[in-house]
Amino acid sequence: MKNLLKDIDIPTDLRRLKIDELPQLAKELRKFIINIVATKEGHLGASLGVVELTIALHYVFNTPEDLLIWDVGHQAYGHKILTGRKENFHTNRQLNGISGFPKRDESIYDTFGVGHSSTSISAALGMAIASQLSGEDKHHIAVIGDASIASGMAFEGLNHAGVTDANLLVILNDNAIGIDPSVGALKQYLTNVKKGTQKQDNIFEALNFNYSGPIDGHDFEALISELERLKTIKGPKFLHVITTKGKGLKQAEENQVKYHAPGKFDASTGELIPKTSNIEPPKYQDVFGETIVELARENKKIIGITPAMPTGSSLKYMMEEIPERAFDVGIAEQHAVTLAAGMSTQGYIPFCNIYSTFLQRAYDQVIHDVALQNLPVIFCLDRAGLVGEDGATHHGVFDLAYLNCIPNLVIFAPRDAIELRHMMYTVQLGIDFPIAMRYPRGKGHLINWKVPYENIAIGKGVILKSGENIAILSIGTTANAVSETISDHNVSHYDMRFLKPLDTDLLHEAFSKHKAIITIEDGTINGGLGSSVLAFANKNNYTQKIEILGIDDAFIEHGQVSELKKNQKIDTQSIQQKIEELLVFLNI
């Protein structure tokens, strides 16, 4: 049998096929995705679930003239392969390779850059209105999942679109799961629609959309017929498509959470490659997850909140053991923050666990609903710093800077799992201010981390090593790279721990005893620790040379964390080089 995918480089090649050849192409496309993700890693289940939909969209619509927007982009691997990136798809998510998400400067078929959820409807509507204003007759299609459409921004887009005559088609890819299972009243509504038991008026028709569906998202005949029909209808349209996440790989269908991004697996069997049986340090997310359960057993006022990341944050442990006090609120970061604020006013102790990159979506709520009212909400910012292969949309490098300017807010970064554990214990004893504690993705370096709890003094750093001439000031887990580097150097090392309030006593000591200062952080140079230390030195008339190591004023692309740290000069080799340069500068 002839291989069809081999001869398809762009959608015009695809459109030459007969409809009855498309199922074979779908099978080949799934196999292509599985074979590469099995060894190169990446997001799997989402792209497998929309293979037929992806093919049908490019078959029916005249992309890229017709504009196709994927929400989030986890599901866009098939789209990338069919739009000119088949030959270099093996570089997906690797340093200098193609991005794991749609990206405007990568392809004209990637009409909008994505990575965070729920933006597609607003973006597509903006494009559709722009087309009207330009007198252009083209189609605008937003493909959004059932988890993403429950977000507030998606409803804002729907609400506006419903009072326009814009040529917009919203396709709901309904598989009842995002990264974790979808939650909320809308999820129940969609479940009832699929079952045919929904008695209320159709919510999308009530928003003035021409609604059709639900239809089988794996049935080419149904898909293409309906898409062709919708092309002839003007104004906002809504197509409800039912798919199965992980379709075509048995294990991915049966374990959709694990196979969202499964790591390496056997492409022929689907079985995950066994990981080493050696005892390893826990992931920081598990330190959080296990510690909050320990604390919540004793302190009945502790609440856990996460916006759609119970597995990624490990709040799932509390949801399993103490479900009445642990909440997955769906993809709704703004709601998560203000929900926590409301609980705080009633004497509860909310731990609001949000990935650093996603807290950006709730910035106003952090300021207006929490900090302005000085409410003791505890933000646990997972995936802080460089996160690796997810790239520019997901790096948690802005939090130190964007939180640093907010009054009342304390900012803490533990250097290891023990410090995270101690701070979680400290804050639940009672605080009268909000606090953000940030920690990285992945494993720490301590195996024996479950030590007896200790109080941490707010705003106080620690001296990890005393030396001469040069003082290195670190924050968070960058302390470990510093400690590893300076074992053979007679320099001092201060772990600041708090960006806000800064330990000014420790800073005065560092400046009074040393001839040069190095600051290091896995956040942006602009606005973080280095900026704060410069401001301190200026205020206090210190004139030592200050070198700032951190993240450049640029969006950092994807790659392994070790590669990116080297590029950003915050790895051990770069620290070593900076020490040697300063010693030469000081004539030592």
Protein backbone atom coordinates (compact mmCIF):
# COMPACT_ATOMS: atom_id res chain seq x y z
CA MET A 1 0.00 0.00 0.00
CA LYS A 2 1.33 3.42 -0.96
CA ASN A 3 2.45 5.66 1.91
CA LEU A 4 0.34 8.81 1.65
CA LEU A 5 2.02 10.92 4.32
CA LYS A 6 5.36 10.66 2.51
CA ASP A 7 4.06 12.85 -0.33
CA ILE A 8 2.34 15.46 1.85
CA ASP A 9 4.40 18.49 2.72
CA ILE A 10 1.73 21.19 2.82
CA PRO A 11 -2.09 21.17 2.88
CA THR A 12 -2.42 21.64 -0.89
CA ASP A 13 -0.88 18.15 -1.22
CA LEU A 14 -3.44 16.85 1.25
CA ARG A 15 -6.35 18.30 -0.74
CA ARG A 16 -5.43 16.19 -3.76
CA LEU A 17 -6.40 13.02 -1.88
CA LYS A 18 -9.80 11.38 -2.16
CA ILE A 19 -11.97 11.36 0.93
CA ASP A 20 -11.78 7.57 1.16
CA GLU A 21 -7.97 7.83 1.42
CA LEU A 22 -8.09 10.01 4.52
CA PRO A 23 -8.52 7.17 7.08
CA GLN A 24 -5.25 5.66 5.83
CA LEU A 25 -3.55 9.04 6.14
CA ALA A 26 -4.87 9.35 9.70
CA LYS A 27 -3.36 5.98 10.56
CA GLU A 28 0.00 7.00 9.09
CA LEU A 29 -0.05 10.37 10.86
CA ARG A 30 -0.75 8.75 14.22
CA LYS A 31 2.09 6.29 13.70
CA PHE A 32 4.44 9.13 12.74
CA ILE A 33 3.58 11.08 15.90
CA ILE A 34 3.87 8.01 18.14
CA ASN A 35 7.24 6.96 16.73
CA ILE A 36 8.86 10.34 17.26
CA VAL A 37 7.31 11.21 20.65
CA ALA A 38 8.26 7.74 21.92
CA THR A 39 11.95 8.63 21.71
CA LYS A 40 12.05 12.45 21.67
CA GLU A 41 9.29 12.95 24.27
CA GLY A 42 6.62 15.65 24.25
CA HIS A 43 2.83 15.89 24.39
CA LEU A 44 1.14 12.81 23.00
CA GLY A 45 -2.51 12.20 23.86
CA ALA A 46 -3.86 15.57 22.75
CA SER A 47 -2.43 15.33 19.22
CA LEU A 48 -3.52 11.70 18.77
CA GLY A 49 -7.07 12.71 19.67
CA VAL A 50 -7.43 15.31 16.92
CA VAL A 51 -5.77 13.56 13.97
CA GLU A 52 -9.01 13.27 11.96
CA LEU A 53 -10.10 16.79 12.91
CA THR A 54 -6.70 18.20 11.91
CA ILE A 55 -6.78 16.49 8.53
CA ALA A 56 -10.40 17.52 7.92
CA LEU A 57 -9.75 21.17 8.74
CA HIS A 58 -6.82 21.47 6.34
CA TYR A 59 -8.76 19.42 3.74
CA VAL A 60 -11.87 21.61 3.81
CA PHE A 61 -10.45 25.05 4.51
CA ASN A 62 -7.95 26.91 2.35
CA THR A 63 -5.21 27.31 4.95
CA PRO A 64 -3.20 29.47 5.42
CA GLU A 65 -5.50 32.00 3.68
CA ASP A 66 -8.25 30.71 5.96
CA LEU A 67 -6.94 31.24 9.48
CA LEU A 68 -6.75 28.29 11.89
CA ILE A 69 -6.01 28.91 15.57
CA TRP A 70 -5.27 26.09 18.02
CA ASP A 71 -5.99 26.76 21.68
CA VAL A 72 -2.99 25.96 23.96
CA GLY A 73 -1.34 23.97 21.17
CA HIS A 74 -0.68 20.65 22.91
CA GLN A 75 -2.78 19.12 20.13
CA ALA A 76 -1.02 20.74 17.16
CA TYR A 77 1.62 18.09 16.31
CA GLY A 78 -0.43 16.73 13.40
CA HIS A 79 -0.96 20.29 12.20
CA LYS A 80 2.80 20.91 12.24
CA ILE A 81 3.56 17.71 10.35
CA LEU A 82 1.03 18.56 7.61
CA THR A 83 2.26 22.15 7.26
CA GLY A 84 5.85 21.83 6.17
CA ARG A 85 7.56 20.59 9.33
CA LYS A 86 7.46 16.84 8.81
CA GLU A 87 11.16 16.51 8.00
CA ASN A 88 12.32 18.39 11.10
CA PHE A 89 9.58 17.26 13.45
CA HIS A 90 12.18 15.09 15.19
CA THR A 91 13.67 18.34 16.56
CA ASN A 92 10.40 19.18 18.34
CA ARG A 93 11.02 20.88 21.71
CA GLN A 94 14.80 20.50 21.39
CA LEU A 95 17.33 23.34 21.53
CA ASN A 96 17.27 25.18 18.19
CA GLY A 97 14.52 22.84 16.94
CA ILE A 98 10.86 23.54 16.29
CA SER A 99 8.61 24.62 19.13
CA GLY A 100 6.20 22.27 20.86
CA PHE A 101 3.48 24.90 20.38
CA PRO A 102 2.22 26.91 17.39
CA LYS A 103 4.49 29.88 16.85
CA ARG A 104 4.00 32.71 14.37
CA ASP A 105 7.62 33.09 13.33
CA GLU A 106 7.93 29.36 12.68
CA SER A 107 5.27 28.99 9.98
CA ILE A 108 2.63 30.99 8.11
CA TYR A 109 0.24 28.20 9.08
CA ASP A 110 0.73 29.09 12.77
CA THR A 111 -1.53 32.12 12.70
CA PHE A 112 -1.34 32.82 16.42
CA GLY A 113 1.28 31.91 19.03
CA VAL A 114 -0.14 29.91 21.93
CA GLY A 115 0.92 27.97 25.00
CA HIS A 116 -1.48 29.23 27.67
CA SER A 117 -5.13 28.27 27.34
CA SER A 118 -8.35 29.96 26.31
CA THR A 119 -6.97 32.62 23.96
CA SER A 120 -8.14 31.17 20.65
CA ILE A 121 -11.68 32.58 20.49
CA SER A 122 -10.61 36.15 21.22
CA ALA A 123 -7.72 35.93 18.75
CA ALA A 124 -9.87 34.39 16.01
CA LEU A 125 -12.59 36.97 16.57
CA GLY A 126 -10.01 39.74 16.32
CA MET A 127 -8.84 38.30 13.01
CA ALA A 128 -12.41 37.89 11.76
CA ILE A 129 -13.33 41.50 12.53
CA ALA A 130 -10.07 42.65 10.91
CA SER A 131 -10.98 40.67 7.78
CA GLN A 132 -14.37 42.39 7.67
CA LEU A 133 -12.78 45.80 7.97
CA SER A 134 -10.38 44.92 5.15
CA GLY A 135 -13.18 43.66 2.91
CA GLU A 136 -11.73 40.13 2.85
CA ASP A 137 -13.83 36.99 2.58
CA LYS A 138 -12.04 34.32 4.55
CA HIS A 139 -12.76 31.83 7.33
CA HIS A 140 -11.48 31.99 10.91
CA ILE A 141 -11.48 28.78 12.94
CA ALA A 142 -10.69 28.43 16.65
CA VAL A 143 -10.20 24.89 17.98
CA ILE A 144 -10.65 24.84 21.76
CA GLY A 145 -10.91 22.03 24.31
CA ASP A 146 -13.63 21.48 26.88
CA ALA A 147 -11.24 22.38 29.73
CA SER A 148 -10.06 25.58 28.03
CA ILE A 149 -13.53 26.80 27.09
CA ALA A 150 -14.54 26.86 30.76
CA SER A 151 -12.01 29.64 31.37
CA GLY A 152 -13.26 33.18 31.82
CA MET A 153 -11.40 34.57 28.83
CA ALA A 154 -13.03 32.05 26.50
CA PHE A 155 -16.46 33.18 27.69
CA GLU A 156 -15.48 36.81 27.22
CA GLY A 157 -14.68 35.97 23.60
CA LEU A 158 -17.91 34.05 23.12
CA ASN A 159 -19.91 36.87 24.68
CA HIS A 160 -18.46 39.43 22.27
CA ALA A 161 -18.62 37.18 19.20
CA GLY A 162 -22.32 36.54 19.77
CA VAL A 163 -23.20 40.19 19.05
CA THR A 164 -21.11 40.38 15.86
CA ASP A 165 -21.66 39.03 12.37
CA ALA A 166 -17.99 38.01 12.14
CA ASN A 167 -17.17 34.93 10.09
CA LEU A 168 -16.00 32.87 13.04
CA LEU A 169 -16.19 29.12 13.60
CA VAL A 170 -15.51 27.85 17.12
CA ILE A 171 -14.85 24.11 17.26
CA LEU A 172 -15.18 22.54 20.68
CA ASN A 173 -12.86 19.54 20.89
CA ASP A 174 -14.70 17.75 23.67
CA ASN A 175 -12.84 14.82 25.21
CA ALA A 176 -13.69 15.54 28.87
CA ILE A 177 -10.02 16.06 29.76
CA GLY A 178 -7.37 18.74 29.56
CA ILE A 179 -4.19 17.68 31.35
CA ASP A 180 -6.30 16.35 34.21
CA PRO A 181 -10.02 15.52 33.92
CA SER A 182 -12.16 18.57 33.27
CA VAL A 183 -14.18 19.91 36.20
CA GLY A 184 -17.11 22.20 36.87
CA ALA A 185 -20.71 22.81 35.88
CA LEU A 186 -19.90 23.35 32.20
CA LYS A 187 -18.21 19.94 32.08
CA GLN A 188 -21.43 18.42 33.46
CA TYR A 189 -23.47 20.33 30.89
CA LEU A 190 -21.34 18.99 28.02
CA THR A 191 -21.58 15.48 29.45
CA ASN A 192 -25.37 15.78 29.44
CA VAL A 193 -25.33 17.08 25.85
CA LYS A 194 -23.34 14.03 24.77
CA LYS A 195 -25.78 11.74 26.55
CA GLY A 196 -28.76 13.57 25.11
CA THR A 197 -30.11 14.27 28.59
CA GLN A 198 -29.55 18.04 28.68
CA LYS A 199 -32.94 19.61 29.31
CA GLN A 200 -31.96 23.30 29.42
CA ASP A 201 -31.61 25.58 26.41
CA ASN A 202 -28.35 25.23 24.55
CA ILE A 203 -25.89 27.59 26.20
CA PHE A 204 -24.08 28.37 22.94
CA GLU A 205 -27.27 29.09 21.03
CA ALA A 206 -28.21 31.41 23.89
CA LEU A 207 -25.00 33.31 23.08
CA ASN A 208 -26.21 33.74 19.47
CA PHE A 209 -24.01 31.09 17.91
CA ASN A 210 -25.28 28.81 15.15
CA TYR A 211 -24.74 25.54 17.04
CA SER A 212 -24.31 22.10 15.50
CA GLY A 213 -23.33 18.77 16.96
CA PRO A 214 -22.24 16.89 18.82
CA ILE A 215 -20.60 14.86 16.05
CA ASP A 216 -18.00 12.08 16.08
CA GLY A 217 -14.58 13.71 15.70
CA HIS A 218 -13.11 10.49 14.32
CA ASP A 219 -15.66 10.12 11.48
CA PHE A 220 -14.27 11.77 8.35
CA GLU A 221 -17.56 11.66 6.48
CA ALA A 222 -19.42 13.43 9.28
CA LEU A 223 -16.63 15.93 9.88
CA ILE A 224 -16.09 16.96 6.28
CA SER A 225 -19.80 17.13 5.50
CA GLU A 226 -20.45 19.41 8.47
CA LEU A 227 -17.40 21.61 7.89
CA GLU A 228 -18.44 22.08 4.24
CA ARG A 229 -21.93 23.05 5.37
CA LEU A 230 -20.61 25.51 7.95
CA LYS A 231 -18.49 27.21 5.28
CA THR A 232 -21.71 28.40 3.66
CA ILE A 233 -23.12 29.95 6.86
CA LYS A 234 -22.22 33.51 7.79
CA GLY A 235 -21.72 34.85 11.31
CA PRO A 236 -20.55 33.08 14.49
CA LYS A 237 -20.85 29.30 14.38
CA PHE A 238 -20.15 26.62 16.97
CA LEU A 239 -19.36 22.98 16.20
CA HIS A 240 -19.33 20.48 19.05
CA VAL A 241 -16.96 17.59 18.25
CA ILE A 242 -16.51 14.50 20.42
CA THR A 243 -13.02 12.97 20.42
CA THR A 244 -11.00 10.51 22.45
CA LYS A 245 -7.71 11.82 23.83
CA GLY A 246 -4.92 9.36 22.98
CA LYS A 247 -6.93 7.80 20.14
CA GLY A 248 -5.02 5.02 18.39
CA LEU A 249 -2.73 4.06 21.25
CA LYS A 250 -4.45 1.77 23.73
CA GLN A 251 -2.50 2.88 26.79
CA ALA A 252 -2.98 6.55 25.94
CA GLU A 253 -6.73 6.06 25.67
CA GLU A 254 -6.89 4.16 28.97
CA ASN A 255 -4.56 6.43 30.98
CA GLN A 256 -5.11 9.87 29.53
CA VAL A 257 -3.46 11.78 32.38
CA LYS A 258 -0.19 9.83 32.26
CA TYR A 259 -0.04 9.84 28.46
CA HIS A 260 -0.64 13.57 28.13
CA ALA A 261 3.16 13.89 28.18
CA PRO A 262 4.40 10.37 28.98
CA GLY A 263 8.14 10.72 28.52
CA LYS A 264 9.88 7.93 26.62
CA PHE A 265 7.86 4.83 25.74
CA ASP A 266 7.95 1.79 23.43
CA ALA A 267 6.35 2.93 20.16
CA SER A 268 5.26 -0.60 19.22
CA THR A 269 3.68 -1.57 22.55
CA GLY A 270 2.91 1.81 24.11
CA GLU A 271 4.51 0.72 27.37
CA LEU A 272 6.45 3.38 29.27
CA ILE A 273 10.22 2.89 29.49
CA PRO A 274 10.89 1.89 33.12
CA LYS A 275 12.73 4.51 35.10
CA THR A 276 15.68 3.70 37.30
CA SER A 277 14.84 1.87 40.50
CA ASN A 278 17.44 3.87 42.42
CA ILE A 279 16.19 5.96 45.30
CA GLU A 280 16.05 9.54 44.03
CA PRO A 281 15.19 12.88 45.57
CA PRO A 282 11.51 13.81 45.22
CA LYS A 283 10.14 16.38 42.81
CA TYR A 284 9.47 19.73 44.43
CA GLN A 285 5.79 19.33 43.55
CA ASP A 286 5.69 16.15 45.65
CA VAL A 287 7.40 17.89 48.55
CA PHE A 288 4.57 20.42 48.41
CA GLY A 289 1.89 17.74 47.95
CA GLU A 290 3.01 15.52 50.80
CA THR A 291 3.75 18.41 53.16
CA ILE A 292 0.37 20.11 52.74
CA VAL A 293 -1.34 16.81 53.58
CA GLU A 294 0.79 16.41 56.71
CA LEU A 295 0.01 19.96 57.82
CA ALA A 296 -3.68 19.82 56.89
CA ARG A 297 -4.21 16.71 59.01
CA GLU A 298 -3.32 18.79 62.07
CA ASN A 299 -4.51 22.24 60.99
CA LYS A 300 -8.17 22.10 59.98
CA LYS A 301 -8.04 25.63 58.54
CA ILE A 302 -5.67 24.72 55.69
CA ILE A 303 -7.19 24.82 52.21
CA GLY A 304 -5.58 23.67 48.95
CA ILE A 305 -6.46 25.33 45.63
CA THR A 306 -5.16 24.72 42.12
CA PRO A 307 -6.36 25.87 38.69
CA ALA A 308 -6.52 22.62 36.69
CA MET A 309 -3.16 21.24 37.83
CA PRO A 310 -3.90 18.71 40.59
CA THR A 311 -1.41 16.19 39.17
CA GLY A 312 1.26 18.68 38.11
CA SER A 313 1.15 20.45 41.47
CA SER A 314 0.60 17.22 43.47
CA LEU A 315 -2.41 18.74 45.20
CA LYS A 316 -3.99 15.46 44.09
CA TYR A 317 -2.66 13.92 47.33
CA MET A 318 -4.79 16.27 49.40
CA MET A 319 -7.74 15.88 47.02
CA GLU A 320 -7.60 12.15 47.64
CA GLU A 321 -7.21 12.30 51.43
CA ILE A 322 -9.05 15.51 52.39
CA PRO A 323 -11.28 16.25 49.37
CA GLU A 324 -13.55 18.67 51.22
CA ARG A 325 -10.65 21.11 51.67
CA ALA A 326 -8.85 20.69 48.31
CA PHE A 327 -10.19 22.34 45.18
CA ASP A 328 -9.41 22.05 41.48
CA VAL A 329 -11.20 25.10 40.05
CA GLY A 330 -10.41 24.41 36.39
CA ILE A 331 -8.45 26.69 34.08
CA ALA A 332 -9.39 29.77 36.06
CA GLU A 333 -6.34 31.39 37.64
CA GLN A 334 -8.12 34.67 38.35
CA HIS A 335 -10.90 32.83 40.15
CA ALA A 336 -8.40 30.67 42.06
CA VAL A 337 -6.65 33.74 43.49
CA THR A 338 -9.82 35.59 44.49
CA LEU A 339 -11.40 32.39 45.84
CA ALA A 340 -8.34 32.07 48.07
CA ALA A 341 -8.73 35.71 49.10
CA GLY A 342 -12.35 35.15 50.06
CA MET A 343 -11.48 32.10 52.15
CA SER A 344 -8.70 34.06 53.83
CA THR A 345 -11.17 36.71 55.03
CA GLN A 346 -13.01 33.98 56.92
CA GLY A 347 -10.00 32.76 58.86
CA TYR A 348 -8.94 29.91 56.59
CA ILE A 349 -5.37 29.37 55.38
CA PRO A 350 -5.42 28.96 51.60
CA PHE A 351 -2.41 27.49 49.83
CA CYS A 352 -2.98 28.59 46.24
CA ASN A 353 -0.74 26.44 44.05
CA ILE A 354 -0.23 27.91 40.58
CA TYR A 355 2.56 27.44 38.07
CA SER A 356 4.69 30.58 37.95
CA THR A 357 3.90 31.17 34.28
CA PHE A 358 0.16 30.90 34.94
CA LEU A 359 0.08 33.32 37.87
CA GLN A 360 0.79 35.98 35.24
CA ARG A 361 -2.84 35.46 34.18
CA ALA A 362 -4.08 36.58 37.60
CA TYR A 363 -1.82 39.56 38.19
CA ASP A 364 -4.63 42.03 38.90
CA GLN A 365 -6.20 39.64 41.41
CA VAL A 366 -2.88 39.27 43.24
CA ILE A 367 -2.66 43.06 43.54
CA HIS A 368 -6.30 44.09 43.96
CA ASP A 369 -7.87 41.17 45.80
CA VAL A 370 -4.96 39.94 47.91
CA ALA A 371 -2.09 42.39 48.43
CA LEU A 372 -4.15 45.59 48.58
CA GLN A 373 -6.24 44.04 51.36
CA ASN A 374 -3.15 42.46 52.93
CA LEU A 375 -4.80 39.05 53.08
CA PRO A 376 -2.63 36.12 54.20
CA VAL A 377 -2.93 34.04 51.04
CA ILE A 378 -0.04 31.60 50.46
CA PHE A 379 1.00 31.34 46.82
CA CYS A 380 3.02 28.25 45.97
CA LEU A 381 4.57 28.92 42.57
CA ASP A 382 5.56 25.65 40.94
CA ARG A 383 7.75 25.52 37.78
CA ALA A 384 9.60 28.74 38.70
CA GLY A 385 12.72 29.52 36.70
CA LEU A 386 13.63 27.81 33.44
CA VAL A 387 11.34 24.85 32.75
CA GLY A 388 13.00 23.39 29.67
CA GLU A 389 11.32 22.00 26.58
CA ASP A 390 7.99 23.84 26.91
CA GLY A 391 9.88 27.01 26.13
CA ALA A 392 9.04 30.69 26.09
CA THR A 393 5.36 30.38 26.98
CA HIS A 394 6.09 28.33 30.09
CA HIS A 395 9.35 29.53 31.67
CA GLY A 396 8.68 30.88 35.16
CA VAL A 397 11.31 33.59 34.95
CA PHE A 398 9.20 36.71 35.44
CA ASP A 399 7.72 36.09 38.89
CA LEU A 400 10.51 37.60 41.01
CA ALA A 401 10.30 40.82 39.00
CA TYR A 402 6.55 41.11 38.63
CA LEU A 403 5.90 40.33 42.29
CA ASN A 404 8.76 42.45 43.61
CA CYS A 405 6.90 45.73 43.03
CA ILE A 406 3.72 44.71 44.90
CA PRO A 407 3.36 46.17 48.41
CA ASN A 408 2.68 43.86 51.39
CA LEU A 409 3.74 40.74 49.48
CA VAL A 410 6.60 38.62 50.87
CA ILE A 411 8.65 36.68 48.30
CA PHE A 412 10.52 33.53 49.37
CA ALA A 413 12.57 31.05 47.36
CA PRO A 414 13.82 27.91 49.13
CA ARG A 415 17.21 26.54 48.14
CA ASP A 416 16.07 22.95 48.76
CA ALA A 417 13.16 20.71 49.71
CA ILE A 418 13.76 21.09 53.45
CA GLU A 419 13.41 24.86 53.28
CA LEU A 420 10.18 24.56 51.28
CA ARG A 421 8.85 22.19 53.93
CA HIS A 422 9.89 24.52 56.77
CA MET A 423 8.32 27.58 55.15
CA MET A 424 5.03 25.80 54.52
CA TYR A 425 5.02 24.92 58.20
CA THR A 426 5.94 28.46 59.26
CA VAL A 427 3.23 30.28 57.32
CA GLN A 428 0.39 28.01 58.45
CA LEU A 429 1.19 28.90 62.07
CA GLY A 430 -0.22 32.33 61.27
CA ILE A 431 0.87 35.30 59.17
CA ASP A 432 -0.69 38.72 58.59
CA PHE A 433 0.56 39.25 55.04
CA PRO A 434 0.44 37.43 51.70
CA ILE A 435 3.46 35.39 50.66
CA ALA A 436 4.69 33.83 47.43
CA MET A 437 7.11 30.92 47.61
CA ARG A 438 8.61 29.81 44.31
CA TYR A 439 10.32 26.52 43.49
CA PRO A 440 11.47 24.82 40.28
CA ARG A 441 10.20 22.03 38.12
CA GLY A 442 11.65 18.59 38.72
CA LYS A 443 13.70 16.90 41.41
CA GLY A 444 15.69 18.48 44.18
CA HIS A 445 18.95 17.02 45.48
CA LEU A 446 17.95 15.84 48.98
CA ILE A 447 16.71 12.34 49.67
CA ASN A 448 16.22 12.69 53.43
CA TRP A 449 14.03 15.79 53.40
CA LYS A 450 11.29 14.79 55.86
CA VAL A 451 12.97 16.34 58.88
CA PRO A 452 11.21 17.82 61.94
CA TYR A 453 9.60 21.15 61.17
CA GLU A 454 11.39 24.39 62.03
CA ASN A 455 10.32 28.01 61.95
CA ILE A 456 11.92 30.25 59.31
CA ALA A 457 12.45 33.88 60.25
CA ILE A 458 10.69 36.04 57.69
CA GLY A 459 13.05 38.28 55.73
CA LYS A 460 16.24 36.65 56.95
CA GLY A 461 18.90 35.07 54.75
CA VAL A 462 21.72 32.79 55.80
CA ILE A 463 25.49 32.62 55.33
CA LEU A 464 26.36 29.30 53.69
CA LYS A 465 30.12 29.92 53.38
CA SER A 466 32.47 32.62 54.64
CA GLY A 467 35.40 33.73 52.53
CA GLU A 468 37.24 36.79 51.28
CA ASN A 469 37.12 39.41 48.54
CA ILE A 470 34.01 38.18 46.69
CA ALA A 471 30.50 37.58 48.06
CA ILE A 472 28.00 35.65 45.99
CA LEU A 473 24.35 36.39 46.77
CA SER A 474 21.96 33.74 45.52
CA ILE A 475 18.23 33.17 45.80
CA GLY A 476 16.37 29.89 45.54
CA THR A 477 17.84 26.73 44.10
CA THR A 478 20.60 28.67 42.30
CA ALA A 479 22.34 28.30 45.68
CA ASN A 480 23.15 24.71 44.79
CA ALA A 481 25.06 25.64 41.63
CA VAL A 482 26.99 28.23 43.63
CA SER A 483 27.87 25.78 46.41
CA GLU A 484 29.05 23.26 43.85
CA THR A 485 31.23 25.87 42.13
CA ILE A 486 32.91 27.55 45.09
CA SER A 487 34.07 24.55 47.09
CA ASP A 488 37.65 25.28 45.98
CA HIS A 489 37.36 29.08 46.15
CA ASN A 490 37.84 31.29 49.18
CA VAL A 491 34.72 33.34 48.53
CA SER A 492 31.59 33.94 50.58
CA HIS A 493 28.14 32.66 49.77
CA TYR A 494 24.94 34.21 51.09
CA ASP A 495 21.57 32.58 50.48
CA MET A 496 19.21 35.57 50.57
CA ARG A 497 16.09 33.33 50.66
CA PHE A 498 13.81 36.39 50.56
CA LEU A 499 13.65 38.84 47.71
CA LYS A 500 11.16 40.84 49.72
CA PRO A 501 11.80 41.92 52.39
CA LEU A 502 15.52 41.91 51.64
CA ASP A 503 17.77 41.04 54.57
CA THR A 504 19.51 44.41 54.76
CA ASP A 505 21.61 43.35 57.75
CA LEU A 506 23.06 40.52 55.68
CA LEU A 507 23.62 42.86 52.74
CA HIS A 508 25.46 45.40 54.89
CA GLU A 509 27.69 42.60 56.12
CA ALA A 510 28.35 41.34 52.60
CA PHE A 511 29.24 44.81 51.28
CA SER A 512 31.34 45.78 54.29
CA LYS A 513 33.50 42.64 54.14
CA HIS A 514 34.00 42.12 50.39
CA LYS A 515 35.49 43.92 47.42
CA ALA A 516 33.04 42.61 44.81
CA ILE A 517 29.56 41.18 44.74
CA ILE A 518 27.94 38.63 42.41
CA THR A 519 24.17 38.10 42.44
CA ILE A 520 22.60 35.08 40.79
CA GLU A 521 18.97 34.20 40.16
CA ASP A 522 16.92 32.09 37.74
CA GLY A 523 14.66 35.05 37.08
CA THR A 524 14.99 38.10 34.88
CA ILE A 525 17.92 40.41 35.48
CA ASN A 526 15.49 43.32 35.20
CA GLY A 527 13.54 43.72 38.42
CA GLY A 528 14.77 40.78 40.46
CA LEU A 529 17.47 40.16 43.06
CA GLY A 530 20.23 41.87 41.13
CA SER A 531 18.15 44.99 40.60
CA SER A 532 17.23 45.10 44.28
CA VAL A 533 20.87 44.70 45.37
CA LEU A 534 21.94 47.49 43.00
CA ALA A 535 19.27 49.76 44.46
CA PHE A 536 20.43 48.87 47.99
CA ALA A 537 24.06 49.62 47.12
CA ASN A 538 23.13 52.94 45.56
CA LYS A 539 21.02 53.96 48.53
CA ASN A 540 23.80 53.11 50.97
CA ASN A 541 26.68 54.53 48.88
CA TYR A 542 28.46 51.22 48.38
CA THR A 543 30.78 51.39 45.38
CA GLN A 544 31.96 47.80 44.97
CA LYS A 545 31.75 46.18 41.56
CA ILE A 546 28.48 44.27 41.28
CA GLU A 547 27.98 41.54 38.69
CA ILE A 548 24.44 40.33 38.03
CA LEU A 549 23.79 36.82 36.71
CA GLY A 550 20.28 35.94 35.64
CA ILE A 551 17.91 35.67 32.70
CA ASP A 552 18.43 38.03 29.79
CA ASP A 553 15.89 40.65 28.76
CA ALA A 554 14.58 38.36 26.03
CA PHE A 555 12.12 35.51 25.69
CA ILE A 556 14.07 32.29 26.18
CA GLU A 557 13.27 29.48 23.78
CA HIS A 558 12.99 25.74 24.46
CA GLY A 559 15.73 23.25 25.28
CA GLN A 560 16.95 21.17 28.18
CA VAL A 561 17.23 23.14 31.41
CA SER A 562 20.98 22.46 31.58
CA GLU A 563 21.41 23.83 28.04
CA LEU A 564 19.38 26.93 28.78
CA LYS A 565 21.22 27.63 32.05
CA LYS A 566 24.50 27.43 30.17
CA ASN A 567 23.20 29.82 27.50
CA GLN A 568 22.02 32.23 30.19
CA LYS A 569 25.33 31.93 32.06
CA ILE A 570 23.86 30.76 35.37
CA ASP A 571 25.48 27.31 35.31
CA THR A 572 28.49 26.24 37.37
CA GLN A 573 30.95 26.88 34.55
CA SER A 574 29.70 30.45 34.10
CA ILE A 575 29.85 31.13 37.84
CA GLN A 576 33.42 29.82 37.88
CA GLN A 577 34.33 32.08 34.96
CA LYS A 578 32.77 35.13 36.62
CA ILE A 579 34.72 34.50 39.84
CA GLU A 580 37.97 34.22 37.90
CA GLU A 581 37.24 37.42 35.95
CA LEU A 582 36.57 39.31 39.18
CA LEU A 583 39.73 38.03 40.83
CA VAL A 584 41.70 39.39 37.86
CA PHE A 585 39.79 42.68 38.07
CA LEU A 586 40.63 42.92 41.78
CA ASN A 587 44.30 42.02 41.12
CA ILE A 588 44.07 39.02 43.43
